[in-house]
Every structure is written in structure tokens, then in C-alpha cells.
Amino acid sequence: MERKIIKTGDGSVTIHLPEWNEQYHSKHGAIQEARHVFLKMGLHKLAEDTGLSEISILEIGFGTGLNAFLTFLEAEKLKLQVNYRGVEAFPVQLEEVKKLNYAEVIPALEKEPIFLKMHEEDWEKPNKISSDFTLTKQQKDFKEITDDAQYDLIYFDAFGARVQPELWTEEIFSIMYKALRNNGILVTYAAKGSVRRAMLANGFQVEKLPGPPGKREMLRAVKN
């Protein structure tokens, strides 16, 4: 499938798939979207509600590594110890990663070696990115996740239901519910009624929240 690097509304770039007319991040702003959906509505909410100093995060769709990189930077500020697991069926190639300008736009150029390290490290094993951030990347289908009560927070960042509806089903959210600890949080940029109903059917408490730039709403789900 053809892949193109395109610039988004906040100056950061993303990977565009012309065949699907889909991209890895919002065309309105890749960094803005990630900060709003996953940091503000996810990481910060968890930190405020629980006061945890050590958290485990599962990312559904590791993709470009933007969410992991932003989480690393934010965890440093919040003095959090993070165990981060990113699941990705089709990893981004290193030559593509080197074309991504996230460290420049954030800005965090002094941390760009960390971003590259996240992609260069081996898959299928824990990698110590820093003394307080451990990254494990797994290449597999989301349906193959079997973790039970392992995570405090899930970043659900799969491609949209328009192009991959099979990733937004009751079956998938049953796996997510099982993977979360009690009072764990799942956040996603999506807000479709069918997605919300799939979450509710599995026992999640679901709320609609204001979305990132260019999107009216998003969803946050909590395991009670």
C-alpha cells in the first residue's frame, strides 16, 4: 500500500495512506491530537484521580511512536515511572521514522535520540529507554492480546472504523476491558455511536468529551 509523509495543521507530519484516504494522525494536527486525547484526557486524568507514581500503559497501534514519545516527555515532568507496551501489526519502517519532525515541532530536539531509540530497540522484549521508562513493542494482531488486569491506561489509537471496522467491535473492547485494572481508563479519538455501544456492552462506563482540533467529540471509558 502506498504511503506518503504529509504535513498536518500544527506543522507536524504524519503518514498518509492514499488508498484508504486515512492517516496515522489527525490532518488537523498530529501533535495537538495526541496531546489532547492521550495526555490530557488519559494520562493527566489517571494521575489526578489515582496519585499513582508508577503506571502501566497499553497502546493499541504503536504506529509512528508519537504517543509513546509524548508520554515519555510528560512522564518526566510528572515524575512518573512508566511501563509502556505498544502493539502494532505493521511496524513503521525506520527510514519513514527519520522523516517525522516531532522532536522539532514539540519542541524537544535534545530528546530526538530517545524518539529514534524507541524505534531502533528490539521488538518482543522490555527496553529500558530511561531509568523511569520501559518500552515493550509487540508485533501482533490486537485480537491476540491476552493480558489480564495488567494496565492502568489504554491509548486506543487504531485506524478508524471507516477503514478497519473489525478493530472497533464488542470482541475487541472485551479484550481491552479484561486487560485493564479496576478503575483503569481507555481513551480514544473516536466518538461513533457504534464504538460507544461496543464499550458499554462490555461493562465500561463511557463519557463523551470535547475532541481535539477538527473533531467535536472523543470517548473516555473507565472499567469499574
C-alpha atoms as a PDB file:
ATOM      1  CA  MET A   1       0.000   0.000   0.000  1.00  0.00           C
ATOM      2  CA  GLU A   2       1.321   3.444  -0.947  1.00  0.00           C
ATOM      3  CA  ARG A   3       2.441   5.630   1.956  1.00  0.00           C
ATOM      4  CA  LYS A   4       3.166   9.362   1.933  1.00  0.00           C
ATOM      5  CA  ILE A   5       4.549  11.760   4.531  1.00  0.00           C
ATOM      6  CA  ILE A   6       2.195  14.770   4.772  1.00  0.00           C
ATOM      7  CA  LYS A   7       2.167  17.909   6.924  1.00  0.00           C
ATOM      8  CA  THR A   8      -0.716  18.379   9.383  1.00  0.00           C
ATOM      9  CA  GLY A   9      -2.360  21.539  10.692  1.00  0.00           C
ATOM     10  CA  ASP A  10       0.077  22.134  13.575  1.00  0.00           C
ATOM     11  CA  GLY A  11       3.189  21.782  11.419  1.00  0.00           C
ATOM     12  CA  SER A  12       3.928  18.194  12.442  1.00  0.00           C
ATOM     13  CA  VAL A  13       3.797  15.436   9.853  1.00  0.00           C
ATOM     14  CA  THR A  14       2.071  12.077   9.647  1.00  0.00           C
ATOM     15  CA  ILE A  15       1.898   9.089   7.326  1.00  0.00           C
ATOM     16  CA  HIS A  16      -0.961   9.147   4.811  1.00  0.00           C
ATOM     17  CA  LEU A  17      -2.388   6.065   3.086  1.00  0.00           C
ATOM     18  CA  PRO A  18      -3.970   7.319  -0.189  1.00  0.00           C
ATOM     19  CA  GLU A  19      -5.721   4.004  -0.933  1.00  0.00           C
ATOM     20  CA  TRP A  20      -7.730   4.320   2.277  1.00  0.00           C
ATOM     21  CA  ASN A  21      -7.710   8.135   2.435  1.00  0.00           C
ATOM     22  CA  GLU A  22      -6.567   7.589   6.022  1.00  0.00           C
ATOM     23  CA  GLN A  23      -3.591   8.773   8.059  1.00  0.00           C
ATOM     24  CA  TYR A  24      -1.882   7.788  11.284  1.00  0.00           C
ATOM     25  CA  HIS A  25      -2.837  11.064  12.984  1.00  0.00           C
ATOM     26  CA  SER A  26      -5.305  13.888  12.544  1.00  0.00           C
ATOM     27  CA  LYS A  27      -4.670  16.064   9.497  1.00  0.00           C
ATOM     28  CA  HIS A  28      -5.662  18.996  11.732  1.00  0.00           C
ATOM     29  CA  GLY A  29      -2.569  18.458  13.876  1.00  0.00           C
ATOM     30  CA  ALA A  30      -0.819  15.218  14.827  1.00  0.00           C
ATOM     31  CA  ILE A  31       0.804  16.541  17.998  1.00  0.00           C
ATOM     32  CA  GLN A  32      -2.266  18.555  19.058  1.00  0.00           C
ATOM     33  CA  GLU A  33      -4.456  15.464  18.736  1.00  0.00           C
ATOM     34  CA  ALA A  34      -2.087  13.220  20.699  1.00  0.00           C
ATOM     35  CA  ARG A  35      -1.654  15.758  23.498  1.00  0.00           C
ATOM     36  CA  HIS A  36      -5.390  16.295  23.852  1.00  0.00           C
ATOM     37  CA  VAL A  37      -6.715  12.746  23.522  1.00  0.00           C
ATOM     38  CA  PHE A  38      -3.997  10.690  25.170  1.00  0.00           C
ATOM     39  CA  LEU A  39      -2.168  13.039  27.537  1.00  0.00           C
ATOM     40  CA  LYS A  40      -4.828  15.494  28.730  1.00  0.00           C
ATOM     41  CA  MET A  41      -7.826  13.154  28.750  1.00  0.00           C
ATOM     42  CA  GLY A  42      -5.870   9.999  29.589  1.00  0.00           C
ATOM     43  CA  LEU A  43      -2.523  10.346  31.347  1.00  0.00           C
ATOM     44  CA  HIS A  44      -3.345  13.510  33.279  1.00  0.00           C
ATOM     45  CA  LYS A  45      -6.790  12.223  34.265  1.00  0.00           C
ATOM     46  CA  LEU A  46      -5.261   8.998  35.602  1.00  0.00           C
ATOM     47  CA  ALA A  47      -2.535  10.848  37.517  1.00  0.00           C
ATOM     48  CA  GLU A  48      -5.034  13.269  39.064  1.00  0.00           C
ATOM     49  CA  ASP A  49      -7.566  10.588  40.019  1.00  0.00           C
ATOM     50  CA  THR A  50      -5.198   7.964  41.404  1.00  0.00           C
ATOM     51  CA  GLY A  51      -1.997   9.676  42.519  1.00  0.00           C
ATOM     52  CA  LEU A  52      -0.054   6.679  41.213  1.00  0.00           C
ATOM     53  CA  SER A  53       3.696   7.129  40.834  1.00  0.00           C
ATOM     54  CA  GLU A  54       4.100   4.034  38.655  1.00  0.00           C
ATOM     55  CA  ILE A  55       1.712   3.273  35.794  1.00  0.00           C
ATOM     56  CA  SER A  56       1.347   0.709  33.032  1.00  0.00           C
ATOM     57  CA  ILE A  57       0.120   1.830  29.610  1.00  0.00           C
ATOM     58  CA  LEU A  58      -1.035  -0.242  26.630  1.00  0.00           C
ATOM     59  CA  GLU A  59      -1.110   1.467  23.256  1.00  0.00           C
ATOM     60  CA  ILE A  60      -3.272  -0.066  20.557  1.00  0.00           C
ATOM     61  CA  GLY A  61      -1.497   0.993  17.369  1.00  0.00           C
ATOM     62  CA  PHE A  62       2.104   1.953  18.218  1.00  0.00           C
ATOM     63  CA  GLY A  63       2.447   3.389  14.710  1.00  0.00           C
ATOM     64  CA  THR A  64       4.807   6.364  14.471  1.00  0.00           C
ATOM     65  CA  GLY A  65       5.691   6.263  18.174  1.00  0.00           C
ATOM     66  CA  LEU A  66       4.363   9.793  18.700  1.00  0.00           C
ATOM     67  CA  ASN A  67       2.134   8.862  21.641  1.00  0.00           C
ATOM     68  CA  ALA A  68       4.953   6.962  23.327  1.00  0.00           C
ATOM     69  CA  PHE A  69       7.387   9.857  22.826  1.00  0.00           C
ATOM     70  CA  LEU A  70       4.963  12.458  24.173  1.00  0.00           C
ATOM     71  CA  THR A  71       4.194  10.197  27.142  1.00  0.00           C
ATOM     72  CA  PHE A  72       7.907   9.841  27.867  1.00  0.00           C
ATOM     73  CA  LEU A  73       8.328  13.630  27.883  1.00  0.00           C
ATOM     74  CA  GLU A  74       5.243  14.189  30.041  1.00  0.00           C
ATOM     75  CA  ALA A  75       6.141  11.426  32.486  1.00  0.00           C
ATOM     76  CA  GLU A  76       9.462  13.175  33.115  1.00  0.00           C
ATOM     77  CA  LYS A  77       7.574  16.333  34.116  1.00  0.00           C
ATOM     78  CA  LEU A  78       5.098  14.420  36.279  1.00  0.00           C
ATOM     79  CA  LYS A  79       7.843  12.261  37.825  1.00  0.00           C
ATOM     80  CA  LEU A  80       6.073   9.064  36.820  1.00  0.00           C
ATOM     81  CA  GLN A  81       7.594   5.655  36.323  1.00  0.00           C
ATOM     82  CA  VAL A  82       6.042   4.184  33.178  1.00  0.00           C
ATOM     83  CA  ASN A  83       5.828   0.665  31.799  1.00  0.00           C
ATOM     84  CA  TYR A  84       4.664   1.173  28.209  1.00  0.00           C
ATOM     85  CA  ARG A  85       3.552  -1.568  25.843  1.00  0.00           C
ATOM     86  CA  GLY A  86       2.886  -0.724  22.205  1.00  0.00           C
ATOM     87  CA  VAL A  87       1.113  -3.259  19.995  1.00  0.00           C
ATOM     88  CA  GLU A  88       1.426  -2.894  16.232  1.00  0.00           C
ATOM     89  CA  ALA A  89       0.638  -5.359  13.449  1.00  0.00           C
ATOM     90  CA  PHE A  90       2.589  -3.497  10.757  1.00  0.00           C
ATOM     91  CA  PRO A  91       5.562  -1.553  12.178  1.00  0.00           C
ATOM     92  CA  VAL A  92       6.629   1.720  10.584  1.00  0.00           C
ATOM     93  CA  GLN A  93       9.969   1.448   8.812  1.00  0.00           C
ATOM     94  CA  LEU A  94      12.987   3.265  10.252  1.00  0.00           C
ATOM     95  CA  GLU A  95      13.504   5.267   7.042  1.00  0.00           C
ATOM     96  CA  GLU A  96       9.979   6.642   7.499  1.00  0.00           C
ATOM     97  CA  VAL A  97      10.584   7.386  11.180  1.00  0.00           C
ATOM     98  CA  LYS A  98      13.584   9.544  10.300  1.00  0.00           C
ATOM     99  CA  LYS A  99      11.296  11.784   8.199  1.00  0.00           C
ATOM    100  CA  LEU A 100       8.994  12.539  11.144  1.00  0.00           C
ATOM    101  CA  ASN A 101       9.576  16.006  12.625  1.00  0.00           C
ATOM    102  CA  TYR A 102       8.015  15.531  16.063  1.00  0.00           C
ATOM    103  CA  ALA A 103      11.076  16.445  18.143  1.00  0.00           C
ATOM    104  CA  GLU A 104      11.419  19.692  16.190  1.00  0.00           C
ATOM    105  CA  VAL A 105       7.747  20.737  16.447  1.00  0.00           C
ATOM    106  CA  ILE A 106       7.100  19.726  20.082  1.00  0.00           C
ATOM    107  CA  PRO A 107       9.871  21.197  20.557  1.00  0.00           C
ATOM    108  CA  ALA A 108      12.241  18.684  22.125  1.00  0.00           C
ATOM    109  CA  LEU A 109      15.185  18.360  19.763  1.00  0.00           C
ATOM    110  CA  GLU A 110      17.500  17.396  22.606  1.00  0.00           C
ATOM    111  CA  LYS A 111      15.303  14.311  23.119  1.00  0.00           C
ATOM    112  CA  GLU A 112      15.221  13.227  19.466  1.00  0.00           C
ATOM    113  CA  PRO A 113      17.734  10.406  20.175  1.00  0.00           C
ATOM    114  CA  ILE A 114      15.123   8.987  22.601  1.00  0.00           C
ATOM    115  CA  PHE A 115      12.476   9.006  19.853  1.00  0.00           C
ATOM    116  CA  LEU A 116      14.801   7.181  17.485  1.00  0.00           C
ATOM    117  CA  LYS A 117      15.829   4.750  20.215  1.00  0.00           C
ATOM    118  CA  MET A 118      12.190   3.785  20.725  1.00  0.00           C
ATOM    119  CA  HIS A 119      12.068   2.618  17.107  1.00  0.00           C
ATOM    120  CA  GLU A 120      15.536   1.090  16.970  1.00  0.00           C
ATOM    121  CA  GLU A 121      15.147  -1.117  20.038  1.00  0.00           C
ATOM    122  CA  ASP A 122      14.204  -4.771  19.603  1.00  0.00           C
ATOM    123  CA  TRP A 123      10.624  -5.947  19.488  1.00  0.00           C
ATOM    124  CA  GLU A 124       9.127  -8.534  21.830  1.00  0.00           C
ATOM    125  CA  LYS A 125      11.222  -7.624  24.869  1.00  0.00           C
ATOM    126  CA  PRO A 126      11.348  -4.862  27.508  1.00  0.00           C
ATOM    127  CA  ASN A 127      13.682  -1.981  26.602  1.00  0.00           C
ATOM    128  CA  LYS A 128      14.934   0.490  29.188  1.00  0.00           C
ATOM    129  CA  ILE A 129      14.504   3.845  27.447  1.00  0.00           C
ATOM    130  CA  SER A 130      15.433   5.664  30.664  1.00  0.00           C
ATOM    131  CA  SER A 131      15.584   4.830  34.349  1.00  0.00           C
ATOM    132  CA  ASP A 132      11.849   5.590  34.605  1.00  0.00           C
ATOM    133  CA  PHE A 133      10.504   4.473  31.215  1.00  0.00           C
ATOM    134  CA  THR A 134      10.401   0.899  29.942  1.00  0.00           C
ATOM    135  CA  LEU A 135       9.081   0.205  26.445  1.00  0.00           C
ATOM    136  CA  THR A 136       7.951  -3.163  25.126  1.00  0.00           C
ATOM    137  CA  LYS A 137       6.890  -3.336  21.472  1.00  0.00           C
ATOM    138  CA  GLN A 138       4.876  -6.309  20.255  1.00  0.00           C
ATOM    139  CA  GLN A 139       4.101  -7.115  16.644  1.00  0.00           C
ATOM    140  CA  LYS A 140       0.756  -8.882  16.575  1.00  0.00           C
ATOM    141  CA  ASP A 141      -2.928  -8.535  15.836  1.00  0.00           C
ATOM    142  CA  PHE A 142      -4.943  -6.762  18.529  1.00  0.00           C
ATOM    143  CA  LYS A 143      -7.151  -9.856  18.857  1.00  0.00           C
ATOM    144  CA  GLU A 144      -4.108 -11.778  20.103  1.00  0.00           C
ATOM    145  CA  ILE A 145      -3.790  -9.688  23.284  1.00  0.00           C
ATOM    146  CA  THR A 146      -4.401 -11.911  26.318  1.00  0.00           C
ATOM    147  CA  ASP A 147      -3.296  -9.665  29.209  1.00  0.00           C
ATOM    148  CA  ASP A 148      -5.466  -9.786  32.326  1.00  0.00           C
ATOM    149  CA  ALA A 149      -5.699  -6.714  34.605  1.00  0.00           C
ATOM    150  CA  GLN A 150      -2.241  -5.504  33.562  1.00  0.00           C
ATOM    151  CA  TYR A 151      -2.790  -1.852  32.628  1.00  0.00           C
ATOM    152  CA  ASP A 152      -3.883   1.388  34.247  1.00  0.00           C
ATOM    153  CA  LEU A 153      -4.382   3.190  30.943  1.00  0.00           C
ATOM    154  CA  ILE A 154      -5.063   2.215  27.322  1.00  0.00           C
ATOM    155  CA  TYR A 155      -4.421   4.504  24.373  1.00  0.00           C
ATOM    156  CA  PHE A 156      -6.770   3.137  21.713  1.00  0.00           C
ATOM    157  CA  ASP A 157      -5.298   4.604  18.527  1.00  0.00           C
ATOM    158  CA  ALA A 158      -6.208   2.106  15.813  1.00  0.00           C
ATOM    159  CA  PHE A 159      -7.082   3.176  12.282  1.00  0.00           C
ATOM    160  CA  GLY A 160     -10.655   4.442  12.065  1.00  0.00           C
ATOM    161  CA  ALA A 161     -13.775   2.282  11.923  1.00  0.00           C
ATOM    162  CA  ARG A 162     -14.451   3.527   8.384  1.00  0.00           C
ATOM    163  CA  VAL A 163     -11.459   1.585   7.048  1.00  0.00           C
ATOM    164  CA  GLN A 164     -10.999  -1.122   9.705  1.00  0.00           C
ATOM    165  CA  PRO A 165     -14.366  -1.739  11.406  1.00  0.00           C
ATOM    166  CA  GLU A 166     -13.108  -5.068  12.762  1.00  0.00           C
ATOM    167  CA  LEU A 167     -10.892  -3.163  15.227  1.00  0.00           C
ATOM    168  CA  TRP A 168     -13.845  -1.416  16.892  1.00  0.00           C
ATOM    169  CA  THR A 169     -16.115  -4.327  17.850  1.00  0.00           C
ATOM    170  CA  GLU A 170     -17.514  -5.723  21.080  1.00  0.00           C
ATOM    171  CA  GLU A 171     -14.924  -8.515  20.776  1.00  0.00           C
ATOM    172  CA  ILE A 172     -12.030  -6.051  20.746  1.00  0.00           C
ATOM    173  CA  PHE A 173     -13.374  -3.999  23.645  1.00  0.00           C
ATOM    174  CA  SER A 174     -13.897  -7.193  25.651  1.00  0.00           C
ATOM    175  CA  ILE A 175     -10.142  -7.772  25.297  1.00  0.00           C
ATOM    176  CA  MET A 176      -9.481  -4.165  26.354  1.00  0.00           C
ATOM    177  CA  TYR A 177     -11.772  -4.456  29.384  1.00  0.00           C
ATOM    178  CA  LYS A 178     -10.013  -7.613  30.533  1.00  0.00           C
ATOM    179  CA  ALA A 179      -6.572  -6.031  30.048  1.00  0.00           C
ATOM    180  CA  LEU A 180      -7.362  -3.039  32.292  1.00  0.00           C
ATOM    181  CA  ARG A 181      -7.121  -2.994  36.051  1.00  0.00           C
ATOM    182  CA  ASN A 182     -10.157  -1.868  38.052  1.00  0.00           C
ATOM    183  CA  ASN A 183     -10.694   1.886  37.619  1.00  0.00           C
ATOM    184  CA  GLY A 184      -8.407   1.774  34.592  1.00  0.00           C
ATOM    185  CA  ILE A 185      -9.025   4.243  31.769  1.00  0.00           C
ATOM    186  CA  LEU A 186      -9.270   3.821  27.998  1.00  0.00           C
ATOM    187  CA  VAL A 187      -9.142   6.897  25.758  1.00  0.00           C
ATOM    188  CA  THR A 188      -9.662   7.166  22.018  1.00  0.00           C
ATOM    189  CA  TYR A 189     -10.165   9.861  19.413  1.00  0.00           C
ATOM    190  CA  ALA A 190     -13.284   8.047  18.165  1.00  0.00           C
ATOM    191  CA  ALA A 191     -16.808   9.071  19.102  1.00  0.00           C
ATOM    192  CA  LYS A 192     -19.057   6.931  16.869  1.00  0.00           C
ATOM    193  CA  GLY A 193     -22.225   5.606  18.436  1.00  0.00           C
ATOM    194  CA  SER A 194     -21.346   2.041  17.443  1.00  0.00           C
ATOM    195  CA  VAL A 195     -17.997   2.319  19.256  1.00  0.00           C
ATOM    196  CA  ARG A 196     -19.641   3.707  22.374  1.00  0.00           C
ATOM    197  CA  ARG A 197     -22.218   0.889  22.340  1.00  0.00           C
ATOM    198  CA  ALA A 198     -19.464  -1.736  21.954  1.00  0.00           C
ATOM    199  CA  MET A 199     -17.753  -0.298  25.040  1.00  0.00           C
ATOM    200  CA  LEU A 200     -20.976  -0.171  27.067  1.00  0.00           C
ATOM    201  CA  ALA A 201     -21.802  -3.773  26.131  1.00  0.00           C
ATOM    202  CA  ASN A 202     -18.601  -4.854  27.874  1.00  0.00           C
ATOM    203  CA  GLY A 203     -19.275  -3.013  31.118  1.00  0.00           C
ATOM    204  CA  PHE A 204     -17.330   0.187  30.553  1.00  0.00           C
ATOM    205  CA  GLN A 205     -18.575   3.473  31.974  1.00  0.00           C
ATOM    206  CA  VAL A 206     -18.320   5.746  28.925  1.00  0.00           C
ATOM    207  CA  GLU A 207     -18.321   9.522  28.577  1.00  0.00           C
ATOM    208  CA  LYS A 208     -18.155  11.811  25.573  1.00  0.00           C
ATOM    209  CA  LEU A 209     -15.594  14.576  25.888  1.00  0.00           C
ATOM    210  CA  PRO A 210     -14.627  17.551  23.733  1.00  0.00           C
ATOM    211  CA  GLY A 211     -12.417  16.342  20.909  1.00  0.00           C
ATOM    212  CA  PRO A 212      -9.089  17.645  19.622  1.00  0.00           C
ATOM    213  CA  PRO A 213      -8.906  20.404  16.987  1.00  0.00           C
ATOM    214  CA  GLY A 214     -11.035  19.445  13.992  1.00  0.00           C
ATOM    215  CA  LYS A 215     -13.092  16.877  15.920  1.00  0.00           C
ATOM    216  CA  ARG A 216     -16.134  17.672  18.001  1.00  0.00           C
ATOM    217  CA  GLU A 217     -16.042  14.723  20.420  1.00  0.00           C
ATOM    218  CA  MET A 218     -13.964  11.791  21.680  1.00  0.00           C
ATOM    219  CA  LEU A 219     -14.577   8.937  24.133  1.00  0.00           C
ATOM    220  CA  ARG A 220     -13.177   8.026  27.517  1.00  0.00           C
ATOM    221  CA  ALA A 221     -14.122   4.679  29.096  1.00  0.00           C
ATOM    222  CA  VAL A 222     -13.499   3.501  32.652  1.00  0.00           C
ATOM    223  CA  LYS A 223     -13.501  -0.054  33.992  1.00  0.00           C
ATOM    224  CA  ASN A 224     -15.445  -0.147  37.249  1.00  0.00           C
END
